[in-house]
PDB file of all heavy atoms in Angstrom:
ATOM      1  N   ASP A   1       0.936  -4.741  -0.254  1.00  0.00           N
ATOM      2  CA  ASP A   1       1.651  -6.010  -0.106  1.00  0.00           C
ATOM      3  C   ASP A   1       3.076  -5.931  -0.645  1.00  0.00           C
ATOM      4  O   ASP A   1       4.033  -6.333   0.033  1.00  0.00           O
ATOM      5  CB  ASP A   1       0.914  -7.138  -0.829  1.00  0.00           C
ATOM      6  CG  ASP A   1      -0.375  -7.551  -0.133  1.00  0.00           C
ATOM      7  OD1 ASP A   1      -0.715  -6.943   0.897  1.00  0.00           O
ATOM      8  OD2 ASP A   1      -1.051  -8.473  -0.633  1.00  0.00           O
ATOM      9  N   LEU A   2       3.231  -5.454  -1.873  1.00  0.00           N
ATOM     10  CA  LEU A   2       4.554  -5.481  -2.502  1.00  0.00           C
ATOM     11  C   LEU A   2       5.550  -4.542  -1.821  1.00  0.00           C
ATOM     12  O   LEU A   2       6.699  -4.939  -1.602  1.00  0.00           O
ATOM     13  CB  LEU A   2       4.445  -5.186  -3.999  1.00  0.00           C
ATOM     14  CG  LEU A   2       3.576  -6.142  -4.823  1.00  0.00           C
ATOM     15  CD1 LEU A   2       3.750  -5.863  -6.311  1.00  0.00           C
ATOM     16  CD2 LEU A   2       3.878  -7.592  -4.521  1.00  0.00           C
ATOM     17  N   PRO A   3       5.172  -3.297  -1.471  1.00  0.00           N
ATOM     18  CA  PRO A   3       6.130  -2.461  -0.733  1.00  0.00           C
ATOM     19  C   PRO A   3       6.562  -3.087   0.585  1.00  0.00           C
ATOM     20  O   PRO A   3       7.746  -2.996   0.960  1.00  0.00           O
ATOM     21  CB  PRO A   3       5.362  -1.151  -0.512  1.00  0.00           C
ATOM     22  CG  PRO A   3       4.353  -1.104  -1.594  1.00  0.00           C
ATOM     23  CD  PRO A   3       3.963  -2.529  -1.855  1.00  0.00           C
ATOM     24  N   ILE A   4       5.630  -3.720   1.286  1.00  0.00           N
ATOM     25  CA  ILE A   4       6.001  -4.343   2.562  1.00  0.00           C
ATOM     26  C   ILE A   4       6.912  -5.542   2.320  1.00  0.00           C
ATOM     27  O   ILE A   4       7.890  -5.766   3.058  1.00  0.00           O
ATOM     28  CB  ILE A   4       4.745  -4.727   3.362  1.00  0.00           C
ATOM     29  CG1 ILE A   4       3.952  -3.465   3.727  1.00  0.00           C
ATOM     30  CG2 ILE A   4       5.134  -5.480   4.650  1.00  0.00           C
ATOM     31  CD1 ILE A   4       2.608  -3.742   4.383  1.00  0.00           C
ATOM     32  N   MET A   5       6.633  -6.316   1.283  1.00  0.00           N
ATOM     33  CA  MET A   5       7.525  -7.430   0.941  1.00  0.00           C
ATOM     34  C   MET A   5       8.907  -6.917   0.556  1.00  0.00           C
ATOM     35  O   MET A   5       9.926  -7.515   0.931  1.00  0.00           O
ATOM     36  CB  MET A   5       6.920  -8.269  -0.182  1.00  0.00           C
ATOM     37  CG  MET A   5       5.675  -9.045   0.232  1.00  0.00           C
ATOM     38  SD  MET A   5       4.953 -10.032  -1.113  1.00  0.00           S
ATOM     39  CE  MET A   5       6.094 -11.430  -1.138  1.00  0.00           C
ATOM     40  N   ASP A   6       8.964  -5.813  -0.184  1.00  0.00           N
ATOM     41  CA  ASP A   6      10.259  -5.220  -0.532  1.00  0.00           C
ATOM     42  C   ASP A   6      11.039  -4.834   0.724  1.00  0.00           C
ATOM     43  O   ASP A   6      12.254  -5.069   0.814  1.00  0.00           O
ATOM     44  CB  ASP A   6      10.051  -3.978  -1.406  1.00  0.00           C
ATOM     45  CG  ASP A   6       9.613  -4.316  -2.821  1.00  0.00           C
ATOM     46  OD1 ASP A   6       9.922  -5.429  -3.292  1.00  0.00           O
ATOM     47  OD2 ASP A   6       8.962  -3.466  -3.459  1.00  0.00           O
ATOM     48  N   ALA A   7      10.330  -4.251   1.696  1.00  0.00           N
ATOM     49  CA  ALA A   7      10.989  -3.851   2.942  1.00  0.00           C
ATOM     50  C   ALA A   7      11.480  -5.066   3.720  1.00  0.00           C
ATOM     51  O   ALA A   7      12.560  -5.039   4.326  1.00  0.00           O
ATOM     52  CB  ALA A   7      10.034  -3.016   3.793  1.00  0.00           C
ATOM     53  N   CYS A   8      10.709  -6.135   3.705  1.00  0.00           N
ATOM     54  CA  CYS A   8      11.129  -7.365   4.384  1.00  0.00           C
ATOM     55  C   CYS A   8      12.374  -7.948   3.717  1.00  0.00           C
ATOM     56  O   CYS A   8      13.293  -8.425   4.403  1.00  0.00           O
ATOM     57  CB  CYS A   8       9.998  -8.384   4.390  1.00  0.00           C
ATOM     58  SG  CYS A   8       8.661  -7.990   5.545  1.00  0.00           S
ATOM     59  N   LEU A   9      12.414  -7.918   2.384  1.00  0.00           N
ATOM     60  CA  LEU A   9      13.600  -8.398   1.678  1.00  0.00           C
ATOM     61  C   LEU A   9      14.832  -7.587   2.044  1.00  0.00           C
ATOM     62  O   LEU A   9      15.908  -8.144   2.291  1.00  0.00           O
ATOM     63  CB  LEU A   9      13.367  -8.336   0.171  1.00  0.00           C
ATOM     64  CG  LEU A   9      12.667  -9.518  -0.480  1.00  0.00           C
ATOM     65  CD1 LEU A   9      12.375  -9.214  -1.940  1.00  0.00           C
ATOM     66  CD2 LEU A   9      13.506 -10.790  -0.365  1.00  0.00           C
ATOM     67  N   GLU A  10      14.673  -6.274   2.089  1.00  0.00           N
ATOM     68  CA  GLU A  10      15.822  -5.417   2.376  1.00  0.00           C
ATOM     69  C   GLU A  10      16.344  -5.604   3.799  1.00  0.00           C
ATOM     70  O   GLU A  10      17.537  -5.453   4.048  1.00  0.00           O
ATOM     71  CB  GLU A  10      15.442  -3.954   2.149  1.00  0.00           C
ATOM     72  CG  GLU A  10      16.635  -3.002   2.214  1.00  0.00           C
ATOM     73  CD  GLU A  10      16.336  -1.632   1.667  1.00  0.00           C
ATOM     74  OE1 GLU A  10      15.395  -1.485   0.863  1.00  0.00           O
ATOM     75  OE2 GLU A  10      17.060  -0.676   2.056  1.00  0.00           O
ATOM     76  N   THR A  11      15.451  -5.969   4.714  1.00  0.00           N
ATOM     77  CA  THR A  11      15.848  -6.113   6.116  1.00  0.00           C
ATOM     78  C   THR A  11      16.033  -7.563   6.546  1.00  0.00           C
ATOM     79  O   THR A  11      16.453  -7.830   7.677  1.00  0.00           O
ATOM     80  CB  THR A  11      14.790  -5.467   7.027  1.00  0.00           C
ATOM     81  OG1 THR A  11      13.495  -6.024   6.727  1.00  0.00           O
ATOM     82  CG2 THR A  11      14.757  -3.956   6.823  1.00  0.00           C
ATOM     83  N   GLY A  12      15.699  -8.522   5.676  1.00  0.00           N
ATOM     84  CA  GLY A  12      15.897  -9.932   6.008  1.00  0.00           C
ATOM     85  C   GLY A  12      14.925 -10.462   7.044  1.00  0.00           C
ATOM     86  O   GLY A  12      15.297 -11.294   7.881  1.00  0.00           O
ATOM     87  N   VAL A  13      13.658 -10.007   6.982  1.00  0.00           N
ATOM     88  CA  VAL A  13      12.643 -10.413   7.965  1.00  0.00           C
ATOM     89  C   VAL A  13      11.503 -11.131   7.249  1.00  0.00           C
ATOM     90  O   VAL A  13      11.067 -10.709   6.172  1.00  0.00           O
ATOM     91  CB  VAL A  13      12.104  -9.185   8.730  1.00  0.00           C
ATOM     92  CG1 VAL A  13      10.993  -9.598   9.699  1.00  0.00           C
ATOM     93  CG2 VAL A  13      13.231  -8.491   9.492  1.00  0.00           C
ATOM     94  N   SER A  14      10.996 -12.187   7.834  1.00  0.00           N
ATOM     95  CA  SER A  14       9.910 -12.951   7.232  1.00  0.00           C
ATOM     96  C   SER A  14       8.604 -12.167   7.250  1.00  0.00           C
ATOM     97  O   SER A  14       8.432 -11.205   8.007  1.00  0.00           O
ATOM     98  CB  SER A  14       9.742 -14.293   7.939  1.00  0.00           C
ATOM     99  OG  SER A  14      10.825 -15.151   7.647  1.00  0.00           O
ATOM    100  N   TYR A  15       7.659 -12.638   6.421  1.00  0.00           N
ATOM    101  CA  TYR A  15       6.460 -11.857   6.086  1.00  0.00           C
ATOM    102  C   TYR A  15       5.229 -12.748   6.104  1.00  0.00           C
ATOM    103  O   TYR A  15       5.294 -13.923   5.731  1.00  0.00           O
ATOM    104  CB  TYR A  15       6.669 -11.260   4.689  1.00  0.00           C
ATOM    105  CG  TYR A  15       5.449 -10.685   4.004  1.00  0.00           C
ATOM    106  CD1 TYR A  15       5.151  -9.332   4.094  1.00  0.00           C
ATOM    107  CD2 TYR A  15       4.610 -11.498   3.227  1.00  0.00           C
ATOM    108  CE1 TYR A  15       4.039  -8.794   3.437  1.00  0.00           C
ATOM    109  CE2 TYR A  15       3.502 -10.962   2.569  1.00  0.00           C
ATOM    110  CZ  TYR A  15       3.224  -9.612   2.682  1.00  0.00           C
ATOM    111  OH  TYR A  15       2.142  -9.085   2.031  1.00  0.00           O
ATOM    112  N   LEU A  16       4.070 -12.184   6.484  1.00  0.00           N
ATOM    113  CA  LEU A  16       2.786 -12.884   6.436  1.00  0.00           C
ATOM    114  C   LEU A  16       1.705 -11.893   6.040  1.00  0.00           C
ATOM    115  O   LEU A  16       1.726 -10.733   6.467  1.00  0.00           O
ATOM    116  CB  LEU A  16       2.453 -13.496   7.794  1.00  0.00           C
ATOM    117  CG  LEU A  16       1.078 -14.173   7.961  1.00  0.00           C
ATOM    118  CD1 LEU A  16       1.192 -15.385   8.896  1.00  0.00           C
ATOM    119  CD2 LEU A  16       0.016 -13.207   8.522  1.00  0.00           C
ATOM    120  N   ASP A  17       0.735 -12.345   5.209  1.00  0.00           N
ATOM    121  CA  ASP A  17      -0.422 -11.505   4.917  1.00  0.00           C
ATOM    122  C   ASP A  17      -1.688 -12.344   4.880  1.00  0.00           C
ATOM    123  O   ASP A  17      -1.652 -13.571   5.061  1.00  0.00           O
ATOM    124  CB  ASP A  17      -0.233 -10.696   3.624  1.00  0.00           C
ATOM    125  CG  ASP A  17      -0.205 -11.550   2.350  1.00  0.00           C
ATOM    126  OD1 ASP A  17      -0.804 -12.638   2.327  1.00  0.00           O
ATOM    127  OD2 ASP A  17       0.433 -11.118   1.368  1.00  0.00           O
ATOM    128  N   THR A  18      -2.823 -11.670   4.641  1.00  0.00           N
ATOM    129  CA  THR A  18      -4.112 -12.355   4.586  1.00  0.00           C
ATOM    130  C   THR A  18      -4.800 -12.220   3.239  1.00  0.00           C
ATOM    131  O   THR A  18      -5.810 -12.883   2.995  1.00  0.00           O
ATOM    132  CB  THR A  18      -5.075 -11.804   5.662  1.00  0.00           C
ATOM    133  OG1 THR A  18      -5.311 -10.410   5.415  1.00  0.00           O
ATOM    134  CG2 THR A  18      -4.493 -11.989   7.062  1.00  0.00           C
ATOM    135  N   ALA A  19      -4.304 -11.342   2.367  1.00  0.00           N
ATOM    136  CA  ALA A  19      -4.958 -11.115   1.071  1.00  0.00           C
ATOM    137  C   ALA A  19      -3.907 -10.786   0.032  1.00  0.00           C
ATOM    138  O   ALA A  19      -2.923 -10.103   0.327  1.00  0.00           O
ATOM    139  CB  ALA A  19      -5.966  -9.967   1.182  1.00  0.00           C
ATOM    140  N   ASN A  20      -4.106 -11.233  -1.204  1.00  0.00           N
ATOM    141  CA  ASN A  20      -3.057 -11.047  -2.206  1.00  0.00           C
ATOM    142  C   ASN A  20      -3.063  -9.637  -2.796  1.00  0.00           C
ATOM    143  O   ASN A  20      -3.998  -8.867  -2.623  1.00  0.00           O
ATOM    144  CB  ASN A  20      -3.107 -12.124  -3.289  1.00  0.00           C
ATOM    145  CG  ASN A  20      -4.292 -12.019  -4.220  1.00  0.00           C
ATOM    146  OD1 ASN A  20      -5.117 -11.134  -4.135  1.00  0.00           O
ATOM    147  ND2 ASN A  20      -4.377 -12.970  -5.132  1.00  0.00           N
ATOM    148  N   TYR A  21      -1.984  -9.338  -3.487  1.00  0.00           N
ATOM    149  CA  TYR A  21      -1.754  -7.991  -4.006  1.00  0.00           C
ATOM    150  C   TYR A  21      -2.804  -7.602  -5.035  1.00  0.00           C
ATOM    151  O   TYR A  21      -3.257  -8.425  -5.842  1.00  0.00           O
ATOM    152  CB  TYR A  21      -0.370  -7.904  -4.645  1.00  0.00           C
ATOM    153  CG  TYR A  21      -0.101  -6.575  -5.314  1.00  0.00           C
ATOM    154  CD1 TYR A  21       0.078  -5.421  -4.561  1.00  0.00           C
ATOM    155  CD2 TYR A  21      -0.052  -6.479  -6.703  1.00  0.00           C
ATOM    156  CE1 TYR A  21       0.311  -4.201  -5.175  1.00  0.00           C
ATOM    157  CE2 TYR A  21       0.180  -5.257  -7.325  1.00  0.00           C
ATOM    158  CZ  TYR A  21       0.364  -4.128  -6.553  1.00  0.00           C
ATOM    159  OH  TYR A  21       0.581  -2.924  -7.171  1.00  0.00           O
ATOM    160  N   GLU A  22      -3.180  -6.335  -4.996  1.00  0.00           N
ATOM    161  CA  GLU A  22      -4.132  -5.778  -5.952  1.00  0.00           C
ATOM    162  C   GLU A  22      -3.652  -4.390  -6.349  1.00  0.00           C
ATOM    163  O   GLU A  22      -3.420  -3.547  -5.480  1.00  0.00           O
ATOM    164  CB  GLU A  22      -5.518  -5.690  -5.322  1.00  0.00           C
ATOM    165  CG  GLU A  22      -6.587  -5.166  -6.241  1.00  0.00           C
ATOM    166  CD  GLU A  22      -7.963  -5.185  -5.589  1.00  0.00           C
ATOM    167  OE1 GLU A  22      -8.119  -5.828  -4.534  1.00  0.00           O
ATOM    168  OE2 GLU A  22      -8.875  -4.558  -6.142  1.00  0.00           O
ATOM    169  N   PRO A  23      -3.470  -4.113  -7.630  1.00  0.00           N
ATOM    170  CA  PRO A  23      -3.051  -2.770  -8.040  1.00  0.00           C
ATOM    171  C   PRO A  23      -4.135  -1.745  -7.724  1.00  0.00           C
ATOM    172  O   PRO A  23      -5.324  -2.048  -7.776  1.00  0.00           O
ATOM    173  CB  PRO A  23      -2.851  -2.891  -9.552  1.00  0.00           C
ATOM    174  CG  PRO A  23      -2.899  -4.342  -9.864  1.00  0.00           C
ATOM    175  CD  PRO A  23      -3.652  -5.013  -8.766  1.00  0.00           C
ATOM    176  N   LYS A  24      -3.706  -0.528  -7.403  1.00  0.00           N
ATOM    177  CA  LYS A  24      -4.675   0.519  -7.096  1.00  0.00           C
ATOM    178  C   LYS A  24      -5.547   0.869  -8.297  1.00  0.00           C
ATOM    179  O   LYS A  24      -6.727   1.165  -8.151  1.00  0.00           O
ATOM    180  CB  LYS A  24      -3.944   1.788  -6.629  1.00  0.00           C
ATOM    181  CG  LYS A  24      -3.659   1.841  -5.149  1.00  0.00           C
ATOM    182  CD  LYS A  24      -3.150   3.219  -4.788  1.00  0.00           C
ATOM    183  CE  LYS A  24      -2.988   3.339  -3.281  1.00  0.00           C
ATOM    184  NZ  LYS A  24      -2.529   4.684  -2.894  1.00  0.00           N
TER     185      LYS A  24
END
């Protein structure tokens, strides 16, 4: 979740997911 959100921030694109972040 967080890496994809980081990529969305860097590119200015909105984001959607189905489950919250969980550390490995």
